All heavy atoms as atom14 arrays in JSON, in Angstrom:
{
  "sequence": "QGKDPFAPVAKDQMCTQQHGGNATAHITGTWQGQDVDAHFTRTNGCE",
  "atom14_mask": [
    [1, 1, 1, 1, 1, 1, 1, 1, 1, 0, 0, 0, 0, 0],
    [1, 1, 1, 1, 0, 0, 0, 0, 0, 0, 0, 0, 0, 0],
    [1, 1, 1, 1, 1, 1, 1, 1, 1, 0, 0, 0, 0, 0],
    [1, 1, 1, 1, 1, 1, 1, 1, 0, 0, 0, 0, 0, 0],
    [1, 1, 1, 1, 1, 1, 1, 0, 0, 0, 0, 0, 0, 0],
    [1, 1, 1, 1, 1, 1, 1, 1, 1, 1, 1, 0, 0, 0],
    [1, 1, 1, 1, 1, 0, 0, 0, 0, 0, 0, 0, 0, 0],
    [1, 1, 1, 1, 1, 1, 1, 0, 0, 0, 0, 0, 0, 0],
    [1, 1, 1, 1, 1, 1, 1, 0, 0, 0, 0, 0, 0, 0],
    [1, 1, 1, 1, 1, 0, 0, 0, 0, 0, 0, 0, 0, 0],
    [1, 1, 1, 1, 1, 1, 1, 1, 1, 0, 0, 0, 0, 0],
    [1, 1, 1, 1, 1, 1, 1, 1, 0, 0, 0, 0, 0, 0],
    [1, 1, 1, 1, 1, 1, 1, 1, 1, 0, 0, 0, 0, 0],
    [1, 1, 1, 1, 1, 1, 1, 1, 0, 0, 0, 0, 0, 0],
    [1, 1, 1, 1, 1, 1, 0, 0, 0, 0, 0, 0, 0, 0],
    [1, 1, 1, 1, 1, 1, 1, 0, 0, 0, 0, 0, 0, 0],
    [1, 1, 1, 1, 1, 1, 1, 1, 1, 0, 0, 0, 0, 0],
    [1, 1, 1, 1, 1, 1, 1, 1, 1, 0, 0, 0, 0, 0],
    [1, 1, 1, 1, 1, 1, 1, 1, 1, 1, 0, 0, 0, 0],
    [1, 1, 1, 1, 0, 0, 0, 0, 0, 0, 0, 0, 0, 0],
    [1, 1, 1, 1, 0, 0, 0, 0, 0, 0, 0, 0, 0, 0],
    [1, 1, 1, 1, 1, 1, 1, 1, 0, 0, 0, 0, 0, 0],
    [1, 1, 1, 1, 1, 0, 0, 0, 0, 0, 0, 0, 0, 0],
    [1, 1, 1, 1, 1, 1, 1, 0, 0, 0, 0, 0, 0, 0],
    [1, 1, 1, 1, 1, 0, 0, 0, 0, 0, 0, 0, 0, 0],
    [1, 1, 1, 1, 1, 1, 1, 1, 1, 1, 0, 0, 0, 0],
    [1, 1, 1, 1, 1, 1, 1, 1, 0, 0, 0, 0, 0, 0],
    [1, 1, 1, 1, 1, 1, 1, 0, 0, 0, 0, 0, 0, 0],
    [1, 1, 1, 1, 0, 0, 0, 0, 0, 0, 0, 0, 0, 0],
    [1, 1, 1, 1, 1, 1, 1, 0, 0, 0, 0, 0, 0, 0],
    [1, 1, 1, 1, 1, 1, 1, 1, 1, 1, 1, 1, 1, 1],
    [1, 1, 1, 1, 1, 1, 1, 1, 1, 0, 0, 0, 0, 0],
    [1, 1, 1, 1, 0, 0, 0, 0, 0, 0, 0, 0, 0, 0],
    [1, 1, 1, 1, 1, 1, 1, 1, 1, 0, 0, 0, 0, 0],
    [1, 1, 1, 1, 1, 1, 1, 1, 0, 0, 0, 0, 0, 0],
    [1, 1, 1, 1, 1, 1, 1, 0, 0, 0, 0, 0, 0, 0],
    [1, 1, 1, 1, 1, 1, 1, 1, 0, 0, 0, 0, 0, 0],
    [1, 1, 1, 1, 1, 0, 0, 0, 0, 0, 0, 0, 0, 0],
    [1, 1, 1, 1, 1, 1, 1, 1, 1, 1, 0, 0, 0, 0],
    [1, 1, 1, 1, 1, 1, 1, 1, 1, 1, 1, 0, 0, 0],
    [1, 1, 1, 1, 1, 1, 1, 0, 0, 0, 0, 0, 0, 0],
    [1, 1, 1, 1, 1, 1, 1, 1, 1, 1, 1, 0, 0, 0],
    [1, 1, 1, 1, 1, 1, 1, 0, 0, 0, 0, 0, 0, 0],
    [1, 1, 1, 1, 1, 1, 1, 1, 0, 0, 0, 0, 0, 0],
    [1, 1, 1, 1, 0, 0, 0, 0, 0, 0, 0, 0, 0, 0],
    [1, 1, 1, 1, 1, 1, 0, 0, 0, 0, 0, 0, 0, 0],
    [1, 1, 1, 1, 1, 1, 1, 1, 1, 0, 0, 0, 0, 0]
  ],
  "atom14_positions": [
    [[30.82, -75.61, 5.59], [31.67, -76.18, 4.55], [31.07, -76.02, 3.15], [31.69, -76.4, 2.17], [31.92, -77.67, 4.83], [32.68, -77.94, 6.09], [32.66, -79.41, 6.47], [32.23, -80.27, 5.72], [33.14, -79.71, 7.68], [0.0, 0.0, 0.0], [0.0, 0.0, 0.0], [0.0, 0.0, 0.0], [0.0, 0.0, 0.0], [0.0, 0.0, 0.0]],
    [[29.87, -75.47, 3.08], [29.22, -75.29, 1.79], [28.7, -76.58, 1.18], [28.48, -76.66, -0.02], [0.0, 0.0, 0.0], [0.0, 0.0, 0.0], [0.0, 0.0, 0.0], [0.0, 0.0, 0.0], [0.0, 0.0, 0.0], [0.0, 0.0, 0.0], [0.0, 0.0, 0.0], [0.0, 0.0, 0.0], [0.0, 0.0, 0.0], [0.0, 0.0, 0.0]],
    [[28.48, -77.59, 2.01], [28.0, -78.89, 1.53], [26.49, -78.99, 1.63], [25.89, -78.43, 2.54], [28.61, -80.03, 2.33], [30.1, -80.19, 2.14], [30.59, -81.4, 2.92], [32.07, -81.62, 2.71], [32.55, -82.78, 3.47], [0.0, 0.0, 0.0], [0.0, 0.0, 0.0], [0.0, 0.0, 0.0], [0.0, 0.0, 0.0], [0.0, 0.0, 0.0]],
    [[25.89, -79.71, 0.7], [24.47, -80.03, 0.76], [24.35, -81.49, 1.17], [24.51, -82.38, 0.35], [23.8, -79.8, -0.58], [22.32, -80.16, -0.56], [21.8, -80.62, 0.48], [21.67, -79.98, -1.61], [0.0, 0.0, 0.0], [0.0, 0.0, 0.0], [0.0, 0.0, 0.0], [0.0, 0.0, 0.0], [0.0, 0.0, 0.0], [0.0, 0.0, 0.0]],
    [[24.07, -81.76, 2.45], [24.03, -83.15, 2.91], [22.84, -83.93, 2.38], [22.79, -85.14, 2.52], [23.92, -82.99, 4.43], [23.28, -81.66, 4.62], [23.77, -80.8, 3.49], [0.0, 0.0, 0.0], [0.0, 0.0, 0.0], [0.0, 0.0, 0.0], [0.0, 0.0, 0.0], [0.0, 0.0, 0.0], [0.0, 0.0, 0.0], [0.0, 0.0, 0.0]],
    [[21.92, -83.24, 1.73], [20.72, -83.9, 1.24], [20.76, -84.16, -0.26], [19.83, -84.75, -0.81], [19.49, -83.08, 1.61], [19.46, -82.78, 3.09], [19.71, -81.51, 3.57], [19.21, -83.79, 4.01], [19.71, -81.24, 4.92], [19.21, -83.54, 5.37], [19.46, -82.25, 5.82], [0.0, 0.0, 0.0], [0.0, 0.0, 0.0], [0.0, 0.0, 0.0]],
    [[21.83, -83.75, -0.91], [21.96, -83.99, -2.35], [22.13, -85.49, -2.6], [22.85, -86.18, -1.86], [23.16, -83.23, -2.9], [0.0, 0.0, 0.0], [0.0, 0.0, 0.0], [0.0, 0.0, 0.0], [0.0, 0.0, 0.0], [0.0, 0.0, 0.0], [0.0, 0.0, 0.0], [0.0, 0.0, 0.0], [0.0, 0.0, 0.0], [0.0, 0.0, 0.0]],
    [[21.48, -86.0, -3.65], [21.64, -87.43, -3.95], [23.03, -87.7, -4.56], [23.72, -86.77, -4.99], [20.53, -87.7, -4.98], [20.29, -86.37, -5.61], [20.55, -85.33, -4.55], [0.0, 0.0, 0.0], [0.0, 0.0, 0.0], [0.0, 0.0, 0.0], [0.0, 0.0, 0.0], [0.0, 0.0, 0.0], [0.0, 0.0, 0.0], [0.0, 0.0, 0.0]],
    [[23.39, -88.95, -4.58], [24.63, -89.36, -5.24], [24.45, -89.1, -6.74], [23.4, -89.4, -7.31], [24.92, -90.86, -4.98], [26.1, -91.34, -5.8], [25.15, -91.1, -3.49], [0.0, 0.0, 0.0], [0.0, 0.0, 0.0], [0.0, 0.0, 0.0], [0.0, 0.0, 0.0], [0.0, 0.0, 0.0], [0.0, 0.0, 0.0], [0.0, 0.0, 0.0]],
    [[25.46, -88.54, -7.37], [25.4, -88.26, -8.8], [25.15, -89.55, -9.58], [25.71, -90.61, -9.25], [26.69, -87.6, -9.26], [0.0, 0.0, 0.0], [0.0, 0.0, 0.0], [0.0, 0.0, 0.0], [0.0, 0.0, 0.0], [0.0, 0.0, 0.0], [0.0, 0.0, 0.0], [0.0, 0.0, 0.0], [0.0, 0.0, 0.0], [0.0, 0.0, 0.0]],
    [[24.34, -89.46, -10.6], [23.96, -90.65, -11.41], [25.18, -91.33, -12.03], [25.21, -92.54, -12.17], [22.99, -90.25, -12.5], [21.71, -89.67, -11.97], [20.57, -90.62, -12.11], [19.27, -89.97, -11.69], [18.71, -90.56, -10.51], [0.0, 0.0, 0.0], [0.0, 0.0, 0.0], [0.0, 0.0, 0.0], [0.0, 0.0, 0.0], [0.0, 0.0, 0.0]],
    [[26.21, -90.54, -12.41], [27.38, -91.13, -13.07], [28.51, -91.46, -12.09], [29.6, -91.81, -12.51], [27.87, -90.2, -14.17], [28.31, -88.84, -13.65], [28.02, -88.51, -12.48], [28.93, -88.1, -14.42], [0.0, 0.0, 0.0], [0.0, 0.0, 0.0], [0.0, 0.0, 0.0], [0.0, 0.0, 0.0], [0.0, 0.0, 0.0], [0.0, 0.0, 0.0]],
    [[28.25, -91.37, -10.8], [29.26, -91.66, -9.79], [29.55, -93.16, -9.73], [28.63, -93.97, -9.68], [28.77, -91.19, -8.41], [29.72, -91.48, -7.27], [30.97, -90.62, -7.32], [30.88, -89.45, -7.64], [32.09, -91.21, -7.02], [0.0, 0.0, 0.0], [0.0, 0.0, 0.0], [0.0, 0.0, 0.0], [0.0, 0.0, 0.0], [0.0, 0.0, 0.0]],
    [[30.82, -93.52, -9.78], [31.19, -94.94, -9.62], [31.23, -95.26, -8.14], [31.85, -94.53, -7.36], [32.54, -95.2, -10.27], [32.49, -95.07, -11.79], [34.06, -95.43, -12.58], [34.32, -97.12, -12.08], [0.0, 0.0, 0.0], [0.0, 0.0, 0.0], [0.0, 0.0, 0.0], [0.0, 0.0, 0.0], [0.0, 0.0, 0.0], [0.0, 0.0, 0.0]],
    [[30.57, -96.34, -7.73], [30.46, -96.69, -6.32], [30.87, -98.15, -6.12], [30.58, -99.0, -6.97], [29.01, -96.51, -5.85], [28.38, -94.84, -6.1], [0.0, 0.0, 0.0], [0.0, 0.0, 0.0], [0.0, 0.0, 0.0], [0.0, 0.0, 0.0], [0.0, 0.0, 0.0], [0.0, 0.0, 0.0], [0.0, 0.0, 0.0], [0.0, 0.0, 0.0]],
    [[31.5, -98.42, -5.0], [31.83, -99.8, -4.68], [30.55, -100.58, -4.47], [29.57, -100.05, -3.94], [32.7, -99.89, -3.42], [32.0, -99.3, -2.33], [34.04, -99.2, -3.62], [0.0, 0.0, 0.0], [0.0, 0.0, 0.0], [0.0, 0.0, 0.0], [0.0, 0.0, 0.0], [0.0, 0.0, 0.0], [0.0, 0.0, 0.0], [0.0, 0.0, 0.0]],
    [[30.54, -101.8, -4.87], [29.36, -102.65, -4.74], [29.45, -103.44, -3.44], [29.82, -104.6, -3.43], [29.22, -103.56, -5.96], [28.98, -102.79, -7.24], [27.77, -101.88, -7.15], [26.67, -102.3, -6.87], [28.0, -100.58, -7.36], [0.0, 0.0, 0.0], [0.0, 0.0, 0.0], [0.0, 0.0, 0.0], [0.0, 0.0, 0.0], [0.0, 0.0, 0.0]],
    [[29.15, -102.76, -2.36], [29.1, -103.38, -1.05], [27.75, -103.07, -0.45], [27.12, -102.07, -0.81], [30.23, -102.88, -0.16], [30.13, -101.39, 0.14], [31.39, -100.84, 0.77], [32.4, -100.69, 0.11], [31.31, -100.54, 2.07], [0.0, 0.0, 0.0], [0.0, 0.0, 0.0], [0.0, 0.0, 0.0], [0.0, 0.0, 0.0], [0.0, 0.0, 0.0]],
    [[27.31, -103.92, 0.42], [26.0, -103.72, 1.03], [26.2, -103.36, 2.49], [26.84, -104.08, 3.24], [25.17, -105.01, 0.9], [23.78, -104.88, 1.42], [22.84, -104.09, 0.79], [23.17, -105.4, 2.5], [21.7, -104.16, 1.46], [21.87, -104.95, 2.5], [0.0, 0.0, 0.0], [0.0, 0.0, 0.0], [0.0, 0.0, 0.0], [0.0, 0.0, 0.0]],
    [[25.66, -102.23, 2.89], [25.85, -101.75, 4.25], [24.68, -102.01, 5.16], [24.59, -101.43, 6.24], [0.0, 0.0, 0.0], [0.0, 0.0, 0.0], [0.0, 0.0, 0.0], [0.0, 0.0, 0.0], [0.0, 0.0, 0.0], [0.0, 0.0, 0.0], [0.0, 0.0, 0.0], [0.0, 0.0, 0.0], [0.0, 0.0, 0.0], [0.0, 0.0, 0.0]],
    [[23.75, -102.86, 4.73], [22.6, -103.18, 5.56], [21.31, -102.68, 4.95], [21.29, -102.06, 3.89], [0.0, 0.0, 0.0], [0.0, 0.0, 0.0], [0.0, 0.0, 0.0], [0.0, 0.0, 0.0], [0.0, 0.0, 0.0], [0.0, 0.0, 0.0], [0.0, 0.0, 0.0], [0.0, 0.0, 0.0], [0.0, 0.0, 0.0], [0.0, 0.0, 0.0]],
    [[20.23, -102.95, 5.65], [18.9, -102.63, 5.15], [18.35, -101.29, 5.63], [17.19, -100.97, 5.38], [17.92, -103.74, 5.55], [18.28, -105.05, 4.9], [18.74, -105.07, 3.77], [18.09, -106.14, 5.62], [0.0, 0.0, 0.0], [0.0, 0.0, 0.0], [0.0, 0.0, 0.0], [0.0, 0.0, 0.0], [0.0, 0.0, 0.0], [0.0, 0.0, 0.0]],
    [[19.16, -100.53, 6.32], [18.69, -99.26, 6.88], [18.24, -98.31, 5.78], [18.85, -98.22, 4.72], [19.79, -98.61, 7.71], [0.0, 0.0, 0.0], [0.0, 0.0, 0.0], [0.0, 0.0, 0.0], [0.0, 0.0, 0.0], [0.0, 0.0, 0.0], [0.0, 0.0, 0.0], [0.0, 0.0, 0.0], [0.0, 0.0, 0.0], [0.0, 0.0, 0.0]],
    [[17.14, -97.61, 6.06], [16.66, -96.55, 5.18], [16.32, -95.35, 6.04], [16.01, -95.48, 7.23], [15.4, -96.97, 4.39], [14.34, -97.24, 5.3], [15.68, -98.18, 3.51], [0.0, 0.0, 0.0], [0.0, 0.0, 0.0], [0.0, 0.0, 0.0], [0.0, 0.0, 0.0], [0.0, 0.0, 0.0], [0.0, 0.0, 0.0], [0.0, 0.0, 0.0]],
    [[16.36, -94.18, 5.41], [15.97, -92.96, 6.1], [15.32, -92.02, 5.1], [15.66, -92.03, 3.9], [17.17, -92.29, 6.76], [0.0, 0.0, 0.0], [0.0, 0.0, 0.0], [0.0, 0.0, 0.0], [0.0, 0.0, 0.0], [0.0, 0.0, 0.0], [0.0, 0.0, 0.0], [0.0, 0.0, 0.0], [0.0, 0.0, 0.0], [0.0, 0.0, 0.0]],
    [[14.41, -91.25, 5.59], [13.74, -90.23, 4.78], [13.73, -88.95, 5.61], [13.27, -88.96, 6.76], [12.32, -90.69, 4.44], [11.59, -89.76, 3.53], [10.21, -89.67, 3.53], [12.01, -88.87, 2.6], [9.83, -88.78, 2.63], [10.91, -88.27, 2.06], [0.0, 0.0, 0.0], [0.0, 0.0, 0.0], [0.0, 0.0, 0.0], [0.0, 0.0, 0.0]],
    [[14.26, -87.89, 5.04], [14.33, -86.61, 5.74], [13.54, -85.58, 4.94], [13.78, -85.41, 3.74], [15.78, -86.14, 5.94], [16.56, -87.18, 6.74], [15.81, -84.78, 6.62], [18.03, -86.84, 6.93], [0.0, 0.0, 0.0], [0.0, 0.0, 0.0], [0.0, 0.0, 0.0], [0.0, 0.0, 0.0], [0.0, 0.0, 0.0], [0.0, 0.0, 0.0]],
    [[12.61, -84.92, 5.61], [11.82, -83.86, 4.97], [11.86, -82.62, 5.85], [12.16, -82.7, 7.04], [10.35, -84.28, 4.78], [9.79, -84.62, 6.05], [10.23, -85.47, 3.84], [0.0, 0.0, 0.0], [0.0, 0.0, 0.0], [0.0, 0.0, 0.0], [0.0, 0.0, 0.0], [0.0, 0.0, 0.0], [0.0, 0.0, 0.0], [0.0, 0.0, 0.0]],
    [[11.55, -81.5, 5.27], [11.48, -80.26, 6.02], [12.19, -79.14, 5.3], [12.2, -79.08, 4.07], [0.0, 0.0, 0.0], [0.0, 0.0, 0.0], [0.0, 0.0, 0.0], [0.0, 0.0, 0.0], [0.0, 0.0, 0.0], [0.0, 0.0, 0.0], [0.0, 0.0, 0.0], [0.0, 0.0, 0.0], [0.0, 0.0, 0.0], [0.0, 0.0, 0.0]],
    [[12.82, -78.26, 6.08], [13.59, -77.15, 5.51], [14.95, -77.09, 6.18], [15.09, -77.35, 7.38], [12.87, -75.8, 5.7], [12.62, -75.59, 7.09], [11.56, -75.75, 4.94], [0.0, 0.0, 0.0], [0.0, 0.0, 0.0], [0.0, 0.0, 0.0], [0.0, 0.0, 0.0], [0.0, 0.0, 0.0], [0.0, 0.0, 0.0], [0.0, 0.0, 0.0]],
    [[15.94, -76.73, 5.38], [17.31, -76.56, 5.86], [17.94, -75.44, 5.04], [17.86, -75.46, 3.8], [18.1, -77.86, 5.69], [19.51, -77.78, 6.17], [19.94, -77.72, 7.46], [20.7, -77.74, 5.36], [21.32, -77.65, 7.51], [21.81, -77.66, 6.23], [20.94, -77.76, 4.0], [23.13, -77.61, 5.78], [22.25, -77.71, 3.54], [23.32, -77.63, 4.43]],
    [[18.51, -74.47, 5.72], [19.13, -73.33, 5.05], [18.15, -72.64, 4.09], [18.53, -72.22, 3.01], [20.39, -73.77, 4.31], [21.46, -74.38, 5.19], [22.11, -73.33, 6.07], [22.71, -72.4, 5.57], [21.99, -73.48, 7.38], [0.0, 0.0, 0.0], [0.0, 0.0, 0.0], [0.0, 0.0, 0.0], [0.0, 0.0, 0.0], [0.0, 0.0, 0.0]],
    [[16.88, -72.61, 4.46], [15.87, -71.95, 3.65], [15.41, -72.75, 2.44], [14.62, -72.26, 1.64], [0.0, 0.0, 0.0], [0.0, 0.0, 0.0], [0.0, 0.0, 0.0], [0.0, 0.0, 0.0], [0.0, 0.0, 0.0], [0.0, 0.0, 0.0], [0.0, 0.0, 0.0], [0.0, 0.0, 0.0], [0.0, 0.0, 0.0], [0.0, 0.0, 0.0]],
    [[15.88, -73.97, 2.3], [15.52, -74.81, 1.15], [14.66, -75.98, 1.61], [14.87, -76.53, 2.69], [16.79, -75.37, 0.48], [17.73, -74.3, -0.03], [17.13, -73.48, -1.14], [16.53, -74.01, -2.08], [17.23, -72.16, -1.03], [0.0, 0.0, 0.0], [0.0, 0.0, 0.0], [0.0, 0.0, 0.0], [0.0, 0.0, 0.0], [0.0, 0.0, 0.0]],
    [[13.72, -76.38, 0.76], [12.93, -77.57, 1.05], [13.8, -78.81, 0.94], [14.67, -78.9, 0.07], [11.76, -77.69, 0.07], [10.69, -76.64, 0.3], [10.61, -76.11, 1.42], [9.95, -76.35, -0.64], [0.0, 0.0, 0.0], [0.0, 0.0, 0.0], [0.0, 0.0, 0.0], [0.0, 0.0, 0.0], [0.0, 0.0, 0.0], [0.0, 0.0, 0.0]],
    [[13.56, -79.75, 1.84], [14.31, -81.01, 1.86], [13.32, -82.16, 1.71], [12.29, -82.2, 2.38], [15.08, -81.17, 3.19], [15.71, -82.54, 3.3], [16.11, -80.07, 3.35], [0.0, 0.0, 0.0], [0.0, 0.0, 0.0], [0.0, 0.0, 0.0], [0.0, 0.0, 0.0], [0.0, 0.0, 0.0], [0.0, 0.0, 0.0], [0.0, 0.0, 0.0]],
    [[13.65, -83.09, 0.83], [12.92, -84.35, 0.68], [13.95, -85.36, 0.18], [14.1, -85.56, -1.02], [11.76, -84.21, -0.31], [10.89, -85.47, -0.34], [11.22, -86.46, 0.34], [9.88, -85.46, -1.08], [0.0, 0.0, 0.0], [0.0, 0.0, 0.0], [0.0, 0.0, 0.0], [0.0, 0.0, 0.0], [0.0, 0.0, 0.0], [0.0, 0.0, 0.0]],
    [[14.7, -85.94, 1.11], [15.84, -86.78, 0.76], [15.67, -88.19, 1.3], [15.19, -88.39, 2.42], [17.13, -86.17, 1.31], [0.0, 0.0, 0.0], [0.0, 0.0, 0.0], [0.0, 0.0, 0.0], [0.0, 0.0, 0.0], [0.0, 0.0, 0.0], [0.0, 0.0, 0.0], [0.0, 0.0, 0.0], [0.0, 0.0, 0.0], [0.0, 0.0, 0.0]],
    [[16.07, -89.16, 0.5], [16.03, -90.58, 0.88], [17.46, -91.09, 1.01], [18.33, -90.72, 0.2], [15.28, -91.39, -0.17], [13.84, -91.03, -0.26], [12.87, -91.67, 0.48], [13.19, -90.08, -0.97], [11.7, -91.13, 0.22], [11.86, -90.15, -0.66], [0.0, 0.0, 0.0], [0.0, 0.0, 0.0], [0.0, 0.0, 0.0], [0.0, 0.0, 0.0]],
    [[17.68, -91.92, 2.0], [19.0, -92.48, 2.27], [18.89, -93.99, 2.39], [17.92, -94.5, 2.95], [19.58, -91.93, 3.58], [19.89, -90.46, 3.52], [18.89, -89.53, 3.71], [21.17, -90.02, 3.27], [19.15, -88.17, 3.65], [21.46, -88.66, 3.2], [20.43, -87.73, 3.39], [0.0, 0.0, 0.0], [0.0, 0.0, 0.0], [0.0, 0.0, 0.0]],
    [[19.89, -94.69, 1.86], [20.01, -96.14, 2.0], [21.47, -96.45, 2.27], [22.31, -95.54, 2.34], [19.57, -96.88, 0.72], [20.48, -96.53, -0.34], [18.14, -96.53, 0.33], [0.0, 0.0, 0.0], [0.0, 0.0, 0.0], [0.0, 0.0, 0.0], [0.0, 0.0, 0.0], [0.0, 0.0, 0.0], [0.0, 0.0, 0.0], [0.0, 0.0, 0.0]],
    [[21.78, -97.72, 2.39], [23.17, -98.15, 2.56], [23.46, -99.27, 1.56], [24.08, -100.27, 1.88], [23.39, -98.59, 4.01], [23.19, -97.42, 4.99], [23.36, -97.8, 6.42], [24.67, -98.35, 6.72], [25.77, -97.62, 6.93], [25.73, -96.31, 6.88], [26.91, -98.23, 7.21], [0.0, 0.0, 0.0], [0.0, 0.0, 0.0], [0.0, 0.0, 0.0]],
    [[23.0, -99.07, 0.31], [23.06, -100.12, -0.7], [24.37, -100.21, -1.46], [24.57, -101.19, -2.18], [21.92, -99.93, -1.72], [22.03, -98.62, -2.28], [20.56, -100.1, -1.06], [0.0, 0.0, 0.0], [0.0, 0.0, 0.0], [0.0, 0.0, 0.0], [0.0, 0.0, 0.0], [0.0, 0.0, 0.0], [0.0, 0.0, 0.0], [0.0, 0.0, 0.0]],
    [[25.23, -99.22, -1.35], [26.54, -99.29, -2.0], [27.49, -98.33, -1.28], [27.09, -97.61, -0.37], [26.45, -98.97, -3.51], [25.94, -97.58, -3.8], [26.37, -96.6, -3.19], [25.01, -97.48, -4.74], [0.0, 0.0, 0.0], [0.0, 0.0, 0.0], [0.0, 0.0, 0.0], [0.0, 0.0, 0.0], [0.0, 0.0, 0.0], [0.0, 0.0, 0.0]],
    [[28.75, -98.33, -1.7], [29.75, -97.51, -1.02], [29.42, -96.02, -1.0], [29.66, -95.34, 0.0], [0.0, 0.0, 0.0], [0.0, 0.0, 0.0], [0.0, 0.0, 0.0], [0.0, 0.0, 0.0], [0.0, 0.0, 0.0], [0.0, 0.0, 0.0], [0.0, 0.0, 0.0], [0.0, 0.0, 0.0], [0.0, 0.0, 0.0], [0.0, 0.0, 0.0]],
    [[28.86, -95.51, -2.08], [28.5, -94.08, -2.13], [27.38, -93.76, -1.16], [27.42, -92.73, -0.47], [28.09, -93.7, -3.55], [29.42, -93.82, -4.76], [0.0, 0.0, 0.0], [0.0, 0.0, 0.0], [0.0, 0.0, 0.0], [0.0, 0.0, 0.0], [0.0, 0.0, 0.0], [0.0, 0.0, 0.0], [0.0, 0.0, 0.0], [0.0, 0.0, 0.0]],
    [[26.37, -94.61, -1.12], [25.25, -94.37, -0.22], [25.65, -94.54, 1.24], [25.19, -93.8, 2.1], [24.07, -95.29, -0.56], [23.43, -95.0, -1.9], [22.68, -93.68, -1.97], [22.46, -93.03, -0.92], [22.3, -93.29, -3.09], [0.0, 0.0, 0.0], [0.0, 0.0, 0.0], [0.0, 0.0, 0.0], [0.0, 0.0, 0.0], [0.0, 0.0, 0.0]]
  ]
}
């Protein structure tokens, strides 16, 4: 689909202010020949 699943949420993105829990994730390595170092949370609707 041409998507980068490791891209962060854009800084100017408007997000709903809901809390999806305390889960966190950190993904490192390589994907599609690119280095990956991505952090994930569930702190708002975008995340």
